């Protein structure tokens, strides 16, 4: 039975990184190419879901939702249901590559601009030399090319499809094609390919530990300020809302 924490209606699994990897392993083993959805909710996800019912409903269909921000930790503590571990998207990504290398899984990477995905794969293979990446495609393609991309994925039938288009675009894309895609799991990965390609540096460890990774990203990418506005609104909501398990669409 899933142990979850619900924040403004968005259900998040209370798991460690190892437990998330074990759950993923079971999904791969049991899915029979049914394209199970894996998501990584953070504050931006939760707040976007309050305005976008389609996104809210998509998040509810996920078979695994890993806790991906300090703000999620705060809300869990307010409910007296502390998280076992915060799992940044890149940490989950690397763990699944590690498990996949041992298990002989195949991977397809969809996302990033220009040569980001190829750079990311090159760097990943230095860490996981036996990893089986069977295909890749940048994430910014014309609607007319979509069918070709899906046909390639289905021809290769990877166990794991990583989609890095940013939320909620990546989750909506997976959901729209979930019945077509012949993969075991599809996991949204946000900016992970940029990190792995070396386009963006991760925050120093001390900032990661105290939940200031958002500030580091803002320093590196000032244009994110419009997205960061949701942080104080979120804090006010989880502090002053009587029942923070309920969201707008409940």
C-alpha atoms as a PDB file:
ATOM      1  CA  UNK A   1       0.000   0.000   0.000  1.00  0.00           C
ATOM      2  CA  UNK A   2       1.295   3.452  -0.941  1.00  0.00           C
ATOM      3  CA  UNK A   3       2.268   5.793   1.871  1.00  0.00           C
ATOM      4  CA  UNK A   4       1.490   9.272   0.623  1.00  0.00           C
ATOM      5  CA  UNK A   5       1.245  12.894   1.688  1.00  0.00           C
ATOM      6  CA  UNK A   6      -1.412  15.078   0.077  1.00  0.00           C
ATOM      7  CA  UNK A   7      -0.620  18.757  -0.462  1.00  0.00           C
ATOM      8  CA  UNK A   8      -3.363  21.008  -1.856  1.00  0.00           C
ATOM      9  CA  UNK A   9      -4.882  17.911  -3.434  1.00  0.00           C
ATOM     10  CA  UNK A  10      -1.672  16.633  -5.041  1.00  0.00           C
ATOM     11  CA  UNK A  11      -0.692  13.176  -3.785  1.00  0.00           C
ATOM     12  CA  UNK A  12       3.020  12.564  -3.241  1.00  0.00           C
ATOM     13  CA  UNK A  13       4.683   9.296  -2.267  1.00  0.00           C
ATOM     14  CA  UNK A  14       6.541   9.299   1.045  1.00  0.00           C
ATOM     15  CA  UNK A  15       9.509   7.236  -0.089  1.00  0.00           C
ATOM     16  CA  UNK A  16      13.276   7.170   0.128  1.00  0.00           C
ATOM     17  CA  UNK A  17      15.328   7.190  -3.054  1.00  0.00           C
ATOM     18  CA  UNK A  18      15.923   3.449  -2.708  1.00  0.00           C
ATOM     19  CA  UNK A  19      12.203   2.819  -2.222  1.00  0.00           C
ATOM     20  CA  UNK A  20      11.404   4.939  -5.277  1.00  0.00           C
ATOM     21  CA  UNK A  21      13.888   2.856  -7.268  1.00  0.00           C
ATOM     22  CA  UNK A  22      12.296  -0.385  -6.009  1.00  0.00           C
ATOM     23  CA  UNK A  23       8.839   0.901  -6.970  1.00  0.00           C
ATOM     24  CA  UNK A  24      10.149   1.825 -10.416  1.00  0.00           C
ATOM     25  CA  UNK A  25      11.671  -1.630 -10.798  1.00  0.00           C
ATOM     26  CA  UNK A  26       8.297  -3.221 -10.068  1.00  0.00           C
ATOM     27  CA  UNK A  27       6.576  -0.914 -12.549  1.00  0.00           C
ATOM     28  CA  UNK A  28       9.056  -1.885 -15.257  1.00  0.00           C
ATOM     29  CA  UNK A  29       8.655  -5.575 -14.478  1.00  0.00           C
ATOM     30  CA  UNK A  30       4.855  -5.499 -14.406  1.00  0.00           C
ATOM     31  CA  UNK A  31       3.821  -2.828 -16.906  1.00  0.00           C
ATOM     32  CA  UNK A  32       4.013  -4.871 -20.149  1.00  0.00           C
ATOM     33  CA  UNK A  33       4.659  -1.672 -22.154  1.00  0.00           C
ATOM     34  CA  UNK A  34       1.662   0.144 -20.666  1.00  0.00           C
ATOM     35  CA  UNK A  35       3.552   3.439 -20.189  1.00  0.00           C
ATOM     36  CA  UNK A  36       3.132   4.011 -16.463  1.00  0.00           C
ATOM     37  CA  UNK A  37       3.571   7.673 -15.491  1.00  0.00           C
ATOM     38  CA  UNK A  38       6.207   8.840 -12.983  1.00  0.00           C
ATOM     39  CA  UNK A  39       6.158  12.470 -11.796  1.00  0.00           C
ATOM     40  CA  UNK A  40       8.214  14.591  -9.405  1.00  0.00           C
ATOM     41  CA  UNK A  41       5.944  17.226  -7.808  1.00  0.00           C
ATOM     42  CA  UNK A  42       7.489  20.381  -6.406  1.00  0.00           C
ATOM     43  CA  UNK A  43       5.968  23.705  -5.361  1.00  0.00           C
ATOM     44  CA  UNK A  44       5.591  24.883  -8.967  1.00  0.00           C
ATOM     45  CA  UNK A  45       3.754  21.637  -9.847  1.00  0.00           C
ATOM     46  CA  UNK A  46       1.401  21.967  -6.901  1.00  0.00           C
ATOM     47  CA  UNK A  47       0.579  25.604  -7.589  1.00  0.00           C
ATOM     48  CA  UNK A  48       0.155  25.030 -11.333  1.00  0.00           C
ATOM     49  CA  UNK A  49      -2.270  22.208 -10.542  1.00  0.00           C
ATOM     50  CA  UNK A  50      -4.469  24.643  -8.584  1.00  0.00           C
ATOM     51  CA  UNK A  51      -5.119  26.578 -11.800  1.00  0.00           C
ATOM     52  CA  UNK A  52      -4.978  23.762 -14.341  1.00  0.00           C
ATOM     53  CA  UNK A  53      -7.487  20.961 -13.731  1.00  0.00           C
ATOM     54  CA  UNK A  54      -6.095  18.880 -16.585  1.00  0.00           C
ATOM     55  CA  UNK A  55      -2.642  18.946 -14.987  1.00  0.00           C
ATOM     56  CA  UNK A  56      -4.166  18.208 -11.562  1.00  0.00           C
ATOM     57  CA  UNK A  57      -5.979  15.169 -12.973  1.00  0.00           C
ATOM     58  CA  UNK A  58      -2.864  13.935 -14.794  1.00  0.00           C
ATOM     59  CA  UNK A  59      -0.820  14.054 -11.577  1.00  0.00           C
ATOM     60  CA  UNK A  60      -3.467  11.889  -9.911  1.00  0.00           C
ATOM     61  CA  UNK A  61      -2.905   9.141 -12.484  1.00  0.00           C
ATOM     62  CA  UNK A  62       0.822   8.813 -11.709  1.00  0.00           C
ATOM     63  CA  UNK A  63       1.955   5.450 -10.350  1.00  0.00           C
ATOM     64  CA  UNK A  64       4.873   7.140  -8.566  1.00  0.00           C
ATOM     65  CA  UNK A  65       5.172  10.781  -7.436  1.00  0.00           C
ATOM     66  CA  UNK A  66       8.526  11.553  -5.844  1.00  0.00           C
ATOM     67  CA  UNK A  67       8.879  14.521  -3.411  1.00  0.00           C
ATOM     68  CA  UNK A  68      11.046  17.028  -5.250  1.00  0.00           C
ATOM     69  CA  UNK A  69      11.345  20.208  -3.201  1.00  0.00           C
ATOM     70  CA  UNK A  70      11.944  21.756   0.188  1.00  0.00           C
ATOM     71  CA  UNK A  71       8.463  23.279   0.036  1.00  0.00           C
ATOM     72  CA  UNK A  72       6.960  19.796  -0.123  1.00  0.00           C
ATOM     73  CA  UNK A  73       8.970  18.872   2.988  1.00  0.00           C
ATOM     74  CA  UNK A  74       7.582  21.880   4.875  1.00  0.00           C
ATOM     75  CA  UNK A  75       3.975  21.001   4.015  1.00  0.00           C
ATOM     76  CA  UNK A  76       4.518  17.380   5.072  1.00  0.00           C
ATOM     77  CA  UNK A  77       5.920  18.507   8.441  1.00  0.00           C
ATOM     78  CA  UNK A  78       2.922  20.784   8.986  1.00  0.00           C
ATOM     79  CA  UNK A  79       0.742  17.688   8.592  1.00  0.00           C
ATOM     80  CA  UNK A  80       2.959  15.811  11.073  1.00  0.00           C
ATOM     81  CA  UNK A  81       3.822  13.398   8.266  1.00  0.00           C
ATOM     82  CA  UNK A  82       7.524  14.166   7.730  1.00  0.00           C
ATOM     83  CA  UNK A  83       9.008  12.932   4.490  1.00  0.00           C
ATOM     84  CA  UNK A  84      11.512  10.113   4.676  1.00  0.00           C
ATOM     85  CA  UNK A  85      13.667  11.880   2.105  1.00  0.00           C
ATOM     86  CA  UNK A  86      13.535  14.706  -0.409  1.00  0.00           C
ATOM     87  CA  UNK A  87      14.337  13.375  -3.896  1.00  0.00           C
ATOM     88  CA  UNK A  88      15.594  15.938  -6.424  1.00  0.00           C
ATOM     89  CA  UNK A  89      14.809  15.030 -10.032  1.00  0.00           C
ATOM     90  CA  UNK A  90      18.438  14.462 -10.974  1.00  0.00           C
ATOM     91  CA  UNK A  91      18.940  12.136  -7.979  1.00  0.00           C
ATOM     92  CA  UNK A  92      16.028   9.958  -9.143  1.00  0.00           C
ATOM     93  CA  UNK A  93      17.314  10.059 -12.720  1.00  0.00           C
ATOM     94  CA  UNK A  94      20.797   8.878 -11.715  1.00  0.00           C
ATOM     95  CA  UNK A  95      19.407   6.170  -9.433  1.00  0.00           C
ATOM     96  CA  UNK A  96      17.236   4.752 -12.210  1.00  0.00           C
ATOM     97  CA  UNK A  97      20.220   4.753 -14.569  1.00  0.00           C
ATOM     98  CA  UNK A  98      22.200   2.848 -11.935  1.00  0.00           C
ATOM     99  CA  UNK A  99      19.428   0.279 -11.439  1.00  0.00           C
ATOM    100  CA  UNK A 100      18.774   0.104 -15.185  1.00  0.00           C
ATOM    101  CA  UNK A 101      22.423  -0.625 -15.935  1.00  0.00           C
ATOM    102  CA  UNK A 102      22.338  -3.574 -13.505  1.00  0.00           C
ATOM    103  CA  UNK A 103      18.998  -4.832 -14.817  1.00  0.00           C
ATOM    104  CA  UNK A 104      19.845  -4.401 -18.508  1.00  0.00           C
ATOM    105  CA  UNK A 105      17.035  -1.920 -19.128  1.00  0.00           C
ATOM    106  CA  UNK A 106      16.898   0.177 -22.280  1.00  0.00           C
ATOM    107  CA  UNK A 107      16.382   3.956 -22.225  1.00  0.00           C
ATOM    108  CA  UNK A 108      15.129   6.639 -24.600  1.00  0.00           C
ATOM    109  CA  UNK A 109      15.801  10.330 -23.876  1.00  0.00           C
ATOM    110  CA  UNK A 110      13.329  12.898 -25.197  1.00  0.00           C
ATOM    111  CA  UNK A 111      13.953  16.563 -24.429  1.00  0.00           C
ATOM    112  CA  UNK A 112      16.337  19.472 -24.348  1.00  0.00           C
ATOM    113  CA  UNK A 113      17.324  21.941 -27.049  1.00  0.00           C
ATOM    114  CA  UNK A 114      19.783  21.460 -29.895  1.00  0.00           C
ATOM    115  CA  UNK A 115      22.608  19.133 -28.796  1.00  0.00           C
ATOM    116  CA  UNK A 116      21.724  19.097 -25.080  1.00  0.00           C
ATOM    117  CA  UNK A 117      20.424  15.534 -25.123  1.00  0.00           C
ATOM    118  CA  UNK A 118      23.476  14.172 -26.987  1.00  0.00           C
ATOM    119  CA  UNK A 119      25.842  15.925 -24.557  1.00  0.00           C
ATOM    120  CA  UNK A 120      23.868  14.559 -21.623  1.00  0.00           C
ATOM    121  CA  UNK A 121      24.123  11.002 -22.993  1.00  0.00           C
ATOM    122  CA  UNK A 122      27.873  11.346 -23.570  1.00  0.00           C
ATOM    123  CA  UNK A 123      28.417  12.453 -19.970  1.00  0.00           C
ATOM    124  CA  UNK A 124      26.101   9.795 -18.566  1.00  0.00           C
ATOM    125  CA  UNK A 125      27.992   7.038 -20.380  1.00  0.00           C
ATOM    126  CA  UNK A 126      31.172   8.124 -18.607  1.00  0.00           C
ATOM    127  CA  UNK A 127      29.464   7.341 -15.289  1.00  0.00           C
ATOM    128  CA  UNK A 128      27.401   4.343 -16.453  1.00  0.00           C
ATOM    129  CA  UNK A 129      29.456   2.803 -19.289  1.00  0.00           C
ATOM    130  CA  UNK A 130      27.144  -0.204 -19.711  1.00  0.00           C
ATOM    131  CA  UNK A 131      23.937   1.823 -19.925  1.00  0.00           C
ATOM    132  CA  UNK A 132      21.749   1.006 -22.938  1.00  0.00           C
ATOM    133  CA  UNK A 133      20.455   4.256 -24.430  1.00  0.00           C
ATOM    134  CA  UNK A 134      18.673   3.057 -27.556  1.00  0.00           C
ATOM    135  CA  UNK A 135      17.571   6.441 -28.856  1.00  0.00           C
ATOM    136  CA  UNK A 136      17.076  10.138 -28.254  1.00  0.00           C
ATOM    137  CA  UNK A 137      15.423  13.230 -29.718  1.00  0.00           C
ATOM    138  CA  UNK A 138      15.393  16.892 -28.783  1.00  0.00           C
ATOM    139  CA  UNK A 139      12.222  18.045 -27.066  1.00  0.00           C
ATOM    140  CA  UNK A 140      11.410  21.035 -29.279  1.00  0.00           C
ATOM    141  CA  UNK A 141       9.897  19.625 -32.442  1.00  0.00           C
ATOM    142  CA  UNK A 142       7.053  20.603 -34.731  1.00  0.00           C
ATOM    143  CA  UNK A 143       3.663  18.992 -34.288  1.00  0.00           C
ATOM    144  CA  UNK A 144       4.126  17.496 -37.749  1.00  0.00           C
ATOM    145  CA  UNK A 145       7.184  15.558 -36.485  1.00  0.00           C
ATOM    146  CA  UNK A 146       5.409  14.124 -33.456  1.00  0.00           C
ATOM    147  CA  UNK A 147       4.181  10.990 -35.171  1.00  0.00           C
ATOM    148  CA  UNK A 148       7.718  10.221 -36.419  1.00  0.00           C
ATOM    149  CA  UNK A 149       9.129  10.607 -32.890  1.00  0.00           C
ATOM    150  CA  UNK A 150       6.482   8.297 -31.426  1.00  0.00           C
ATOM    151  CA  UNK A 151       7.046   5.739 -34.191  1.00  0.00           C
ATOM    152  CA  UNK A 152      10.776   5.680 -33.404  1.00  0.00           C
ATOM    153  CA  UNK A 153      10.148   5.225 -29.677  1.00  0.00           C
ATOM    154  CA  UNK A 154       7.701   2.409 -30.374  1.00  0.00           C
ATOM    155  CA  UNK A 155      10.078   0.703 -32.778  1.00  0.00           C
ATOM    156  CA  UNK A 156      12.791   0.712 -30.096  1.00  0.00           C
ATOM    157  CA  UNK A 157      10.409  -0.175 -27.206  1.00  0.00           C
ATOM    158  CA  UNK A 158      12.568   1.149 -24.355  1.00  0.00           C
ATOM    159  CA  UNK A 159      11.885   0.148 -20.793  1.00  0.00           C
ATOM    160  CA  UNK A 160      12.247   3.755 -19.614  1.00  0.00           C
ATOM    161  CA  UNK A 161      11.336   6.929 -21.479  1.00  0.00           C
ATOM    162  CA  UNK A 162      12.734  10.091 -19.867  1.00  0.00           C
ATOM    163  CA  UNK A 163      10.908  13.220 -21.042  1.00  0.00           C
ATOM    164  CA  UNK A 164      12.546  16.573 -20.274  1.00  0.00           C
ATOM    165  CA  UNK A 165      10.317  19.312 -21.672  1.00  0.00           C
ATOM    166  CA  UNK A 166       9.518  21.149 -18.448  1.00  0.00           C
ATOM    167  CA  UNK A 167       6.304  20.887 -16.452  1.00  0.00           C
ATOM    168  CA  UNK A 168       3.445  20.688 -17.206  1.00  0.00           C
ATOM    169  CA  UNK A 169       4.317  20.249 -20.902  1.00  0.00           C
ATOM    170  CA  UNK A 170       6.143  16.939 -20.382  1.00  0.00           C
ATOM    171  CA  UNK A 171       3.384  15.398 -18.247  1.00  0.00           C
ATOM    172  CA  UNK A 172       0.694  16.531 -20.676  1.00  0.00           C
ATOM    173  CA  UNK A 173       2.664  15.147 -23.606  1.00  0.00           C
ATOM    174  CA  UNK A 174       3.099  11.765 -21.930  1.00  0.00           C
ATOM    175  CA  UNK A 175      -0.567  11.636 -20.944  1.00  0.00           C
ATOM    176  CA  UNK A 176      -1.741  12.590 -24.452  1.00  0.00           C
ATOM    177  CA  UNK A 177       0.230   9.699 -25.954  1.00  0.00           C
ATOM    178  CA  UNK A 178       0.128   7.231 -23.066  1.00  0.00           C
ATOM    179  CA  UNK A 179      -2.023   4.725 -24.935  1.00  0.00           C
ATOM    180  CA  UNK A 180       0.239   4.863 -27.991  1.00  0.00           C
ATOM    181  CA  UNK A 181       3.661   4.687 -26.361  1.00  0.00           C
ATOM    182  CA  UNK A 182       5.171   1.196 -26.098  1.00  0.00           C
ATOM    183  CA  UNK A 183       7.335   1.817 -23.034  1.00  0.00           C
ATOM    184  CA  UNK A 184       7.206   0.475 -19.486  1.00  0.00           C
ATOM    185  CA  UNK A 185       7.449   3.815 -17.720  1.00  0.00           C
ATOM    186  CA  UNK A 186       7.619   7.455 -18.793  1.00  0.00           C
ATOM    187  CA  UNK A 187       9.131   9.892 -16.299  1.00  0.00           C
ATOM    188  CA  UNK A 188       9.106  13.677 -16.495  1.00  0.00           C
ATOM    189  CA  UNK A 189      12.595  15.078 -15.930  1.00  0.00           C
ATOM    190  CA  UNK A 190      12.333  18.875 -16.226  1.00  0.00           C
ATOM    191  CA  UNK A 191      15.803  20.392 -16.519  1.00  0.00           C
ATOM    192  CA  UNK A 192      17.774  17.233 -15.773  1.00  0.00           C
ATOM    193  CA  UNK A 193      19.258  16.951 -19.258  1.00  0.00           C
ATOM    194  CA  UNK A 194      20.621  20.495 -18.907  1.00  0.00           C
ATOM    195  CA  UNK A 195      22.352  19.498 -15.667  1.00  0.00           C
ATOM    196  CA  UNK A 196      23.760  16.316 -17.167  1.00  0.00           C
ATOM    197  CA  UNK A 197      24.922  18.131 -20.311  1.00  0.00           C
ATOM    198  CA  UNK A 198      26.769  20.684 -18.168  1.00  0.00           C
ATOM    199  CA  UNK A 199      24.617  23.574 -19.420  1.00  0.00           C
ATOM    200  CA  UNK A 200      23.483  24.404 -15.884  1.00  0.00           C
ATOM    201  CA  UNK A 201      25.417  23.853 -12.649  1.00  0.00           C
ATOM    202  CA  UNK A 202      23.774  22.280  -9.614  1.00  0.00           C
ATOM    203  CA  UNK A 203      23.688  24.345  -6.450  1.00  0.00           C
ATOM    204  CA  UNK A 204      26.489  23.812  -3.916  1.00  0.00           C
ATOM    205  CA  UNK A 205      25.811  20.903  -1.545  1.00  0.00           C
ATOM    206  CA  UNK A 206      25.194  23.210   1.420  1.00  0.00           C
ATOM    207  CA  UNK A 207      22.455  25.052  -0.494  1.00  0.00           C
ATOM    208  CA  UNK A 208      20.869  21.757  -1.543  1.00  0.00           C
ATOM    209  CA  UNK A 209      20.802  20.543   2.079  1.00  0.00           C
ATOM    210  CA  UNK A 210      18.990  23.588   3.440  1.00  0.00           C
ATOM    211  CA  UNK A 211      16.530  23.849   0.572  1.00  0.00           C
ATOM    212  CA  UNK A 212      17.977  26.890  -1.211  1.00  0.00           C
ATOM    213  CA  UNK A 213      18.442  25.272  -4.603  1.00  0.00           C
ATOM    214  CA  UNK A 214      15.628  27.474  -5.907  1.00  0.00           C
ATOM    215  CA  UNK A 215      17.695  30.571  -5.008  1.00  0.00           C
ATOM    216  CA  UNK A 216      20.722  29.188  -6.844  1.00  0.00           C
ATOM    217  CA  UNK A 217      18.617  28.584  -9.970  1.00  0.00           C
ATOM    218  CA  UNK A 218      17.246  32.107  -9.710  1.00  0.00           C
ATOM    219  CA  UNK A 219      20.772  33.557  -9.508  1.00  0.00           C
ATOM    220  CA  UNK A 220      21.831  31.594 -12.606  1.00  0.00           C
ATOM    221  CA  UNK A 221      18.574  32.163 -14.490  1.00  0.00           C
ATOM    222  CA  UNK A 222      17.004  35.501 -13.412  1.00  0.00           C
ATOM    223  CA  UNK A 223      14.175  35.018 -15.912  1.00  0.00           C
ATOM    224  CA  UNK A 224      12.790  32.367 -13.532  1.00  0.00           C
ATOM    225  CA  UNK A 225      11.593  35.179 -11.235  1.00  0.00           C
ATOM    226  CA  UNK A 226       8.115  35.028 -12.784  1.00  0.00           C
ATOM    227  CA  UNK A 227       7.913  31.343 -11.852  1.00  0.00           C
ATOM    228  CA  UNK A 228       9.315  31.899  -8.357  1.00  0.00           C
ATOM    229  CA  UNK A 229       6.483  34.287  -7.453  1.00  0.00           C
ATOM    230  CA  UNK A 230       4.413  31.222  -6.548  1.00  0.00           C
ATOM    231  CA  UNK A 231       6.732  30.390  -3.610  1.00  0.00           C
ATOM    232  CA  UNK A 232       5.448  32.998  -1.118  1.00  0.00           C
ATOM    233  CA  UNK A 233       1.857  32.342  -2.253  1.00  0.00           C
ATOM    234  CA  UNK A 234       2.382  28.632  -1.624  1.00  0.00           C
ATOM    235  CA  UNK A 235       3.828  29.265   1.843  1.00  0.00           C
ATOM    236  CA  UNK A 236       0.845  31.416   2.779  1.00  0.00           C
ATOM    237  CA  UNK A 237      -1.530  28.737   1.520  1.00  0.00           C
ATOM    238  CA  UNK A 238       0.027  25.862   3.457  1.00  0.00           C
ATOM    239  CA  UNK A 239       0.341  27.934   6.637  1.00  0.00           C
ATOM    240  CA  UNK A 240      -3.123  29.497   6.688  1.00  0.00           C
ATOM    241  CA  UNK A 241      -5.310  26.956   4.850  1.00  0.00           C
ATOM    242  CA  UNK A 242      -7.269  24.957   7.392  1.00  0.00           C
ATOM    243  CA  UNK A 243      -6.942  21.642   5.516  1.00  0.00           C
ATOM    244  CA  UNK A 244      -3.861  21.683   3.272  1.00  0.00           C
ATOM    245  CA  UNK A 245      -4.642  18.216   1.945  1.00  0.00           C
ATOM    246  CA  UNK A 246      -7.499  19.728  -0.111  1.00  0.00           C
ATOM    247  CA  UNK A 247      -6.920  21.534  -3.389  1.00  0.00           C
ATOM    248  CA  UNK A 248      -9.126  23.628  -5.648  1.00  0.00           C
ATOM    249  CA  UNK A 249     -10.422  20.630  -7.575  1.00  0.00           C
ATOM    250  CA  UNK A 250     -11.227  18.313  -4.652  1.00  0.00           C
END
